[in-house]
PDB file of all heavy atoms in Angstrom:
ATOM      1  N   ALA A   1       7.371  11.364   4.090  1.00  0.00           N
ATOM      2  CA  ALA A   1       6.753  12.678   4.236  1.00  0.00           C
ATOM      3  C   ALA A   1       6.853  13.484   2.937  1.00  0.00           C
ATOM      4  O   ALA A   1       5.868  14.104   2.500  1.00  0.00           O
ATOM      5  CB  ALA A   1       7.381  13.453   5.390  1.00  0.00           C
ATOM      6  N   TYR A   2       8.014  13.453   2.315  1.00  0.00           N
ATOM      7  CA  TYR A   2       8.148  14.171   1.039  1.00  0.00           C
ATOM      8  C   TYR A   2       7.331  13.488  -0.045  1.00  0.00           C
ATOM      9  O   TYR A   2       6.680  14.159  -0.867  1.00  0.00           O
ATOM     10  CB  TYR A   2       9.623  14.291   0.641  1.00  0.00           C
ATOM     11  CG  TYR A   2      10.297  15.424   1.364  1.00  0.00           C
ATOM     12  CD1 TYR A   2      11.185  15.165   2.396  1.00  0.00           C
ATOM     13  CD2 TYR A   2      10.036  16.737   1.026  1.00  0.00           C
ATOM     14  CE1 TYR A   2      11.791  16.205   3.079  1.00  0.00           C
ATOM     15  CE2 TYR A   2      10.640  17.791   1.706  1.00  0.00           C
ATOM     16  CZ  TYR A   2      11.526  17.510   2.737  1.00  0.00           C
ATOM     17  OH  TYR A   2      12.118  18.539   3.412  1.00  0.00           O
ATOM     18  N   HIS A   3       7.359  12.172  -0.088  1.00  0.00           N
ATOM     19  CA  HIS A   3       6.609  11.402  -1.092  1.00  0.00           C
ATOM     20  C   HIS A   3       5.120  11.764  -1.023  1.00  0.00           C
ATOM     21  O   HIS A   3       4.511  12.141  -2.040  1.00  0.00           O
ATOM     22  CB  HIS A   3       6.828   9.904  -0.860  1.00  0.00           C
ATOM     23  CG  HIS A   3       6.142   9.026  -1.852  1.00  0.00           C
ATOM     24  ND1 HIS A   3       6.837   8.407  -2.861  1.00  0.00           N
ATOM     25  CD2 HIS A   3       4.847   8.645  -1.983  1.00  0.00           C
ATOM     26  CE1 HIS A   3       5.984   7.691  -3.593  1.00  0.00           C
ATOM     27  NE2 HIS A   3       4.770   7.819  -3.068  1.00  0.00           N
ATOM     28  N   GLU A   4       4.539  11.666   0.158  1.00  0.00           N
ATOM     29  CA  GLU A   4       3.110  11.960   0.305  1.00  0.00           C
ATOM     30  C   GLU A   4       2.804  13.430   0.072  1.00  0.00           C
ATOM     31  O   GLU A   4       1.765  13.773  -0.499  1.00  0.00           O
ATOM     32  CB  GLU A   4       2.601  11.492   1.672  1.00  0.00           C
ATOM     33  CG  GLU A   4       2.726  10.004   1.913  1.00  0.00           C
ATOM     34  CD  GLU A   4       2.094   9.127   0.850  1.00  0.00           C
ATOM     35  OE1 GLU A   4       1.093   9.543   0.230  1.00  0.00           O
ATOM     36  OE2 GLU A   4       2.585   8.002   0.622  1.00  0.00           O
ATOM     37  N   SER A   5       3.720  14.310   0.460  1.00  0.00           N
ATOM     38  CA  SER A   5       3.536  15.737   0.198  1.00  0.00           C
ATOM     39  C   SER A   5       3.519  16.011  -1.300  1.00  0.00           C
ATOM     40  O   SER A   5       2.756  16.860  -1.769  1.00  0.00           O
ATOM     41  CB  SER A   5       4.645  16.548   0.873  1.00  0.00           C
ATOM     42  OG  SER A   5       4.569  16.425   2.275  1.00  0.00           O
ATOM     43  N   GLY A   6       4.352  15.302  -2.044  1.00  0.00           N
ATOM     44  CA  GLY A   6       4.362  15.464  -3.503  1.00  0.00           C
ATOM     45  C   GLY A   6       3.034  15.097  -4.112  1.00  0.00           C
ATOM     46  O   GLY A   6       2.494  15.834  -4.950  1.00  0.00           O
ATOM     47  N   HIS A   7       2.470  13.965  -3.693  1.00  0.00           N
ATOM     48  CA  HIS A   7       1.128  13.579  -4.168  1.00  0.00           C
ATOM     49  C   HIS A   7       0.112  14.670  -3.849  1.00  0.00           C
ATOM     50  O   HIS A   7      -0.683  15.086  -4.700  1.00  0.00           O
ATOM     51  CB  HIS A   7       0.649  12.286  -3.501  1.00  0.00           C
ATOM     52  CG  HIS A   7       1.292  11.040  -3.963  1.00  0.00           C
ATOM     53  ND1 HIS A   7       1.425  10.686  -5.292  1.00  0.00           N
ATOM     54  CD2 HIS A   7       1.833   9.997  -3.263  1.00  0.00           C
ATOM     55  CE1 HIS A   7       2.010   9.511  -5.380  1.00  0.00           C
ATOM     56  NE2 HIS A   7       2.271   9.068  -4.163  1.00  0.00           N
ATOM     57  N   ALA A   8       0.105  15.108  -2.586  1.00  0.00           N
ATOM     58  CA  ALA A   8      -0.927  16.039  -2.119  1.00  0.00           C
ATOM     59  C   ALA A   8      -0.843  17.394  -2.814  1.00  0.00           C
ATOM     60  O   ALA A   8      -1.858  17.966  -3.203  1.00  0.00           O
ATOM     61  CB  ALA A   8      -0.818  16.207  -0.601  1.00  0.00           C
ATOM     62  N   VAL A   9       0.369  17.919  -2.969  1.00  0.00           N
ATOM     63  CA  VAL A   9       0.513  19.241  -3.595  1.00  0.00           C
ATOM     64  C   VAL A   9       0.076  19.191  -5.065  1.00  0.00           C
ATOM     65  O   VAL A   9      -0.652  20.080  -5.519  1.00  0.00           O
ATOM     66  CB  VAL A   9       1.959  19.761  -3.437  1.00  0.00           C
ATOM     67  CG1 VAL A   9       2.221  20.966  -4.332  1.00  0.00           C
ATOM     68  CG2 VAL A   9       2.235  20.116  -1.967  1.00  0.00           C
ATOM     69  N   VAL A  10       0.453  18.171  -5.785  1.00  0.00           N
ATOM     70  CA  VAL A  10       0.023  18.058  -7.188  1.00  0.00           C
ATOM     71  C   VAL A  10      -1.498  17.930  -7.240  1.00  0.00           C
ATOM     72  O   VAL A  10      -2.156  18.575  -8.065  1.00  0.00           O
ATOM     73  CB  VAL A  10       0.734  16.895  -7.914  1.00  0.00           C
ATOM     74  CG1 VAL A  10       0.153  16.687  -9.306  1.00  0.00           C
ATOM     75  CG2 VAL A  10       2.229  17.131  -7.997  1.00  0.00           C
ATOM     76  N   ALA A  11      -2.067  17.120  -6.353  1.00  0.00           N
ATOM     77  CA  ALA A  11      -3.524  16.952  -6.335  1.00  0.00           C
ATOM     78  C   ALA A  11      -4.241  18.259  -6.026  1.00  0.00           C
ATOM     79  O   ALA A  11      -5.306  18.546  -6.590  1.00  0.00           O
ATOM     80  CB  ALA A  11      -3.925  15.888  -5.323  1.00  0.00           C
ATOM     81  N   LYS A  12      -3.689  19.077  -5.139  1.00  0.00           N
ATOM     82  CA  LYS A  12      -4.319  20.347  -4.788  1.00  0.00           C
ATOM     83  C   LYS A  12      -4.210  21.364  -5.935  1.00  0.00           C
ATOM     84  O   LYS A  12      -5.079  22.214  -6.079  1.00  0.00           O
ATOM     85  CB  LYS A  12      -3.675  20.952  -3.541  1.00  0.00           C
ATOM     86  CG  LYS A  12      -3.947  20.191  -2.251  1.00  0.00           C
ATOM     87  CD  LYS A  12      -5.375  20.245  -1.820  1.00  0.00           C
ATOM     88  CE  LYS A  12      -5.805  21.602  -1.367  1.00  0.00           C
ATOM     89  NZ  LYS A  12      -7.224  21.665  -0.987  1.00  0.00           N
ATOM     90  N   LEU A  13      -3.178  21.279  -6.721  1.00  0.00           N
ATOM     91  CA  LEU A  13      -2.943  22.307  -7.747  1.00  0.00           C
ATOM     92  C   LEU A  13      -3.625  22.030  -9.078  1.00  0.00           C
ATOM     93  O   LEU A  13      -3.856  22.970  -9.850  1.00  0.00           O
ATOM     94  CB  LEU A  13      -1.436  22.454  -7.981  1.00  0.00           C
ATOM     95  CG  LEU A  13      -0.649  23.041  -6.805  1.00  0.00           C
ATOM     96  CD1 LEU A  13       0.850  22.953  -7.064  1.00  0.00           C
ATOM     97  CD2 LEU A  13      -1.069  24.488  -6.565  1.00  0.00           C
ATOM     98  N   LEU A  14      -3.929  20.792  -9.369  1.00  0.00           N
ATOM     99  CA  LEU A  14      -4.526  20.466 -10.657  1.00  0.00           C
ATOM    100  C   LEU A  14      -6.049  20.499 -10.588  1.00  0.00           C
ATOM    101  O   LEU A  14      -6.647  20.042  -9.608  1.00  0.00           O
ATOM    102  CB  LEU A  14      -4.095  19.068 -11.115  1.00  0.00           C
ATOM    103  CG  LEU A  14      -2.668  18.951 -11.639  1.00  0.00           C
ATOM    104  CD1 LEU A  14      -2.339  17.501 -11.952  1.00  0.00           C
ATOM    105  CD2 LEU A  14      -2.468  19.813 -12.876  1.00  0.00           C
ATOM    106  N   PRO A  15      -6.665  21.010 -11.648  1.00  0.00           N
ATOM    107  CA  PRO A  15      -8.129  20.911 -11.709  1.00  0.00           C
ATOM    108  C   PRO A  15      -8.533  19.466 -11.989  1.00  0.00           C
ATOM    109  O   PRO A  15      -7.692  18.648 -12.399  1.00  0.00           O
ATOM    110  CB  PRO A  15      -8.493  21.813 -12.893  1.00  0.00           C
ATOM    111  CG  PRO A  15      -7.276  21.833 -13.746  1.00  0.00           C
ATOM    112  CD  PRO A  15      -6.110  21.673 -12.815  1.00  0.00           C
ATOM    113  N   LYS A  16      -9.755  19.137 -11.740  1.00  0.00           N
ATOM    114  CA  LYS A  16     -10.301  17.812 -12.018  1.00  0.00           C
ATOM    115  C   LYS A  16      -9.645  16.710 -11.185  1.00  0.00           C
ATOM    116  O   LYS A  16      -9.544  15.564 -11.618  1.00  0.00           O
ATOM    117  CB  LYS A  16     -10.190  17.460 -13.509  1.00  0.00           C
ATOM    118  CG  LYS A  16     -11.046  18.357 -14.389  1.00  0.00           C
ATOM    119  CD  LYS A  16     -12.166  17.563 -14.956  1.00  0.00           C
ATOM    120  CE  LYS A  16     -13.018  18.405 -15.869  1.00  0.00           C
ATOM    121  NZ  LYS A  16     -13.793  17.636 -16.772  1.00  0.00           N
ATOM    122  N   THR A  17      -9.179  17.043  -9.983  1.00  0.00           N
ATOM    123  CA  THR A  17      -8.742  16.008  -9.039  1.00  0.00           C
ATOM    124  C   THR A  17      -9.723  16.034  -7.873  1.00  0.00           C
ATOM    125  O   THR A  17     -10.372  17.047  -7.614  1.00  0.00           O
ATOM    126  CB  THR A  17      -7.314  16.259  -8.511  1.00  0.00           C
ATOM    127  OG1 THR A  17      -7.272  17.520  -7.875  1.00  0.00           O
ATOM    128  CG2 THR A  17      -6.286  16.188  -9.630  1.00  0.00           C
ATOM    129  N   ASP A  18      -9.825  14.915  -7.188  1.00  0.00           N
ATOM    130  CA  ASP A  18     -10.695  14.855  -6.026  1.00  0.00           C
ATOM    131  C   ASP A  18     -10.025  15.596  -4.867  1.00  0.00           C
ATOM    132  O   ASP A  18      -8.804  15.653  -4.778  1.00  0.00           O
ATOM    133  CB  ASP A  18     -10.942  13.397  -5.621  1.00  0.00           C
ATOM    134  CG  ASP A  18     -11.795  12.660  -6.645  1.00  0.00           C
ATOM    135  OD1 ASP A  18     -12.713  13.294  -7.205  1.00  0.00           O
ATOM    136  OD2 ASP A  18     -11.548  11.466  -6.868  1.00  0.00           O
ATOM    137  N   PRO A  19     -10.823  16.180  -3.975  1.00  0.00           N
ATOM    138  CA  PRO A  19     -10.261  16.890  -2.825  1.00  0.00           C
ATOM    139  C   PRO A  19      -9.381  15.963  -1.968  1.00  0.00           C
ATOM    140  O   PRO A  19      -9.728  14.808  -1.745  1.00  0.00           O
ATOM    141  CB  PRO A  19     -11.495  17.336  -2.035  1.00  0.00           C
ATOM    142  CG  PRO A  19     -12.619  17.312  -3.024  1.00  0.00           C
ATOM    143  CD  PRO A  19     -12.289  16.240  -3.998  1.00  0.00           C
ATOM    144  N   VAL A  20      -8.257  16.509  -1.506  1.00  0.00           N
ATOM    145  CA  VAL A  20      -7.368  15.748  -0.616  1.00  0.00           C
ATOM    146  C   VAL A  20      -7.988  15.802   0.769  1.00  0.00           C
ATOM    147  O   VAL A  20      -8.121  16.858   1.372  1.00  0.00           O
ATOM    148  CB  VAL A  20      -5.943  16.304  -0.628  1.00  0.00           C
ATOM    149  CG1 VAL A  20      -5.038  15.500   0.295  1.00  0.00           C
ATOM    150  CG2 VAL A  20      -5.371  16.314  -2.046  1.00  0.00           C
ATOM    151  N   HIS A  21      -8.355  14.624   1.262  1.00  0.00           N
ATOM    152  CA  HIS A  21      -9.059  14.507   2.540  1.00  0.00           C
ATOM    153  C   HIS A  21      -8.095  14.332   3.708  1.00  0.00           C
ATOM    154  O   HIS A  21      -8.296  14.880   4.774  1.00  0.00           O
ATOM    155  CB  HIS A  21      -9.998  13.305   2.465  1.00  0.00           C
ATOM    156  CG  HIS A  21     -10.720  12.971   3.716  1.00  0.00           C
ATOM    157  ND1 HIS A  21     -11.718  13.760   4.222  1.00  0.00           N
ATOM    158  CD2 HIS A  21     -10.586  11.933   4.570  1.00  0.00           C
ATOM    159  CE1 HIS A  21     -12.159  13.232   5.352  1.00  0.00           C
ATOM    160  NE2 HIS A  21     -11.490  12.126   5.581  1.00  0.00           N
ATOM    161  N   LYS A  22      -7.011  13.574   3.471  1.00  0.00           N
ATOM    162  CA  LYS A  22      -6.084  13.274   4.561  1.00  0.00           C
ATOM    163  C   LYS A  22      -4.744  12.851   3.956  1.00  0.00           C
ATOM    164  O   LYS A  22      -4.700  12.212   2.910  1.00  0.00           O
ATOM    165  CB  LYS A  22      -6.628  12.137   5.404  1.00  0.00           C
ATOM    166  CG  LYS A  22      -5.782  11.780   6.621  1.00  0.00           C
ATOM    167  CD  LYS A  22      -6.307  10.559   7.341  1.00  0.00           C
ATOM    168  CE  LYS A  22      -7.561  10.886   8.108  1.00  0.00           C
ATOM    169  NZ  LYS A  22      -7.976   9.809   9.000  1.00  0.00           N
ATOM    170  N   VAL A  23      -3.662  13.199   4.665  1.00  0.00           N
ATOM    171  CA  VAL A  23      -2.329  12.739   4.304  1.00  0.00           C
ATOM    172  C   VAL A  23      -1.696  12.216   5.587  1.00  0.00           C
ATOM    173  O   VAL A  23      -1.757  12.886   6.624  1.00  0.00           O
ATOM    174  CB  VAL A  23      -1.453  13.875   3.710  1.00  0.00           C
ATOM    175  CG1 VAL A  23      -0.068  13.350   3.361  1.00  0.00           C
ATOM    176  CG2 VAL A  23      -2.123  14.484   2.485  1.00  0.00           C
ATOM    177  N   THR A  24      -1.103  11.040   5.512  1.00  0.00           N
ATOM    178  CA  THR A  24      -0.465  10.469   6.695  1.00  0.00           C
ATOM    179  C   THR A  24       0.841   9.758   6.342  1.00  0.00           C
ATOM    180  O   THR A  24       0.985   9.265   5.233  1.00  0.00           O
ATOM    181  CB  THR A  24      -1.424   9.497   7.422  1.00  0.00           C
ATOM    182  OG1 THR A  24      -0.781   9.012   8.628  1.00  0.00           O
ATOM    183  CG2 THR A  24      -1.780   8.294   6.552  1.00  0.00           C
ATOM    184  N   ILE A  25       1.749   9.751   7.310  1.00  0.00           N
ATOM    185  CA  ILE A  25       2.978   8.963   7.145  1.00  0.00           C
ATOM    186  C   ILE A  25       2.997   7.789   8.115  1.00  0.00           C
ATOM    187  O   ILE A  25       4.018   7.175   8.338  1.00  0.00           O
ATOM    188  CB  ILE A  25       4.248   9.840   7.294  1.00  0.00           C
ATOM    189  CG1 ILE A  25       4.314  10.517   8.665  1.00  0.00           C
ATOM    190  CG2 ILE A  25       4.326  10.857   6.164  1.00  0.00           C
ATOM    191  CD1 ILE A  25       5.640  11.184   8.967  1.00  0.00           C
ATOM    192  N   ILE A  26       1.842   7.483   8.663  1.00  0.00           N
ATOM    193  CA  ILE A  26       1.705   6.309   9.507  1.00  0.00           C
ATOM    194  C   ILE A  26       1.518   5.114   8.569  1.00  0.00           C
ATOM    195  O   ILE A  26       0.594   5.110   7.756  1.00  0.00           O
ATOM    196  CB  ILE A  26       0.519   6.441  10.482  1.00  0.00           C
ATOM    197  CG1 ILE A  26       0.751   7.623  11.432  1.00  0.00           C
ATOM    198  CG2 ILE A  26       0.314   5.132  11.265  1.00  0.00           C
ATOM    199  CD1 ILE A  26      -0.460   7.948  12.297  1.00  0.00           C
ATOM    200  N   PRO A  27       2.369   4.106   8.663  1.00  0.00           N
ATOM    201  CA  PRO A  27       2.245   2.954   7.742  1.00  0.00           C
ATOM    202  C   PRO A  27       0.881   2.280   7.856  1.00  0.00           C
ATOM    203  O   PRO A  27       0.352   2.114   8.951  1.00  0.00           O
ATOM    204  CB  PRO A  27       3.357   2.007   8.207  1.00  0.00           C
ATOM    205  CG  PRO A  27       4.322   2.866   8.944  1.00  0.00           C
ATOM    206  CD  PRO A  27       3.503   3.960   9.573  1.00  0.00           C
ATOM    207  N   ARG A  28       0.326   1.933   6.702  1.00  0.00           N
ATOM    208  CA  ARG A  28      -0.960   1.230   6.621  1.00  0.00           C
ATOM    209  C   ARG A  28      -0.764   0.035   5.698  1.00  0.00           C
ATOM    210  O   ARG A  28      -0.523   0.206   4.508  1.00  0.00           O
ATOM    211  CB  ARG A  28      -2.032   2.118   6.023  1.00  0.00           C
ATOM    212  CG  ARG A  28      -2.168   3.449   6.682  1.00  0.00           C
ATOM    213  CD  ARG A  28      -3.397   3.484   7.528  1.00  0.00           C
ATOM    214  NE  ARG A  28      -3.702   4.836   7.953  1.00  0.00           N
ATOM    215  CZ  ARG A  28      -3.682   5.223   9.201  1.00  0.00           C
ATOM    216  NH1 ARG A  28      -3.371   4.388  10.156  1.00  0.00           N
ATOM    217  NH2 ARG A  28      -3.987   6.466   9.516  1.00  0.00           N
ATOM    218  N   GLY A  29      -0.831  -1.159   6.225  1.00  0.00           N
ATOM    219  CA  GLY A  29      -0.616  -2.345   5.391  1.00  0.00           C
ATOM    220  C   GLY A  29       0.758  -2.309   4.776  1.00  0.00           C
ATOM    221  O   GLY A  29       1.750  -2.114   5.470  1.00  0.00           O
ATOM    222  N   ARG A  30       0.817  -2.442   3.462  1.00  0.00           N
ATOM    223  CA  ARG A  30       2.104  -2.405   2.756  1.00  0.00           C
ATOM    224  C   ARG A  30       2.547  -0.998   2.432  1.00  0.00           C
ATOM    225  O   ARG A  30       3.686  -0.781   2.021  1.00  0.00           O
ATOM    226  CB  ARG A  30       2.006  -3.227   1.471  1.00  0.00           C
ATOM    227  CG  ARG A  30       1.844  -4.708   1.754  1.00  0.00           C
ATOM    228  CD  ARG A  30       1.740  -5.590   0.533  1.00  0.00           C
ATOM    229  NE  ARG A  30       2.082  -4.957  -0.720  1.00  0.00           N
ATOM    230  CZ  ARG A  30       1.576  -5.303  -1.881  1.00  0.00           C
ATOM    231  NH1 ARG A  30       0.662  -6.245  -1.951  1.00  0.00           N
ATOM    232  NH2 ARG A  30       1.956  -4.698  -2.983  1.00  0.00           N
ATOM    233  N   ALA A  31       1.667  -0.006   2.604  1.00  0.00           N
ATOM    234  CA  ALA A  31       1.991   1.382   2.280  1.00  0.00           C
ATOM    235  C   ALA A  31       2.697   2.048   3.472  1.00  0.00           C
ATOM    236  O   ALA A  31       2.291   1.887   4.599  1.00  0.00           O
ATOM    237  CB  ALA A  31       0.725   2.145   1.940  1.00  0.00           C
ATOM    238  N   LEU A  32       3.754   2.813   3.160  1.00  0.00           N
ATOM    239  CA  LEU A  32       4.477   3.536   4.209  1.00  0.00           C
ATOM    240  C   LEU A  32       3.733   4.806   4.611  1.00  0.00           C
ATOM    241  O   LEU A  32       3.934   5.330   5.690  1.00  0.00           O
ATOM    242  CB  LEU A  32       5.881   3.874   3.740  1.00  0.00           C
ATOM    243  CG  LEU A  32       6.788   2.673   3.455  1.00  0.00           C
ATOM    244  CD1 LEU A  32       8.119   3.144   2.925  1.00  0.00           C
ATOM    245  CD2 LEU A  32       6.970   1.843   4.712  1.00  0.00           C
TER     246      LEU A  32
END
């Protein structure tokens, strides 16, 4: 939860990043 929140907050704060569409902590494949 903290890991993904870190990605999302940095992405929201920086210009020239793509919009954050979704954040999840449900494991997908090899990703937690």
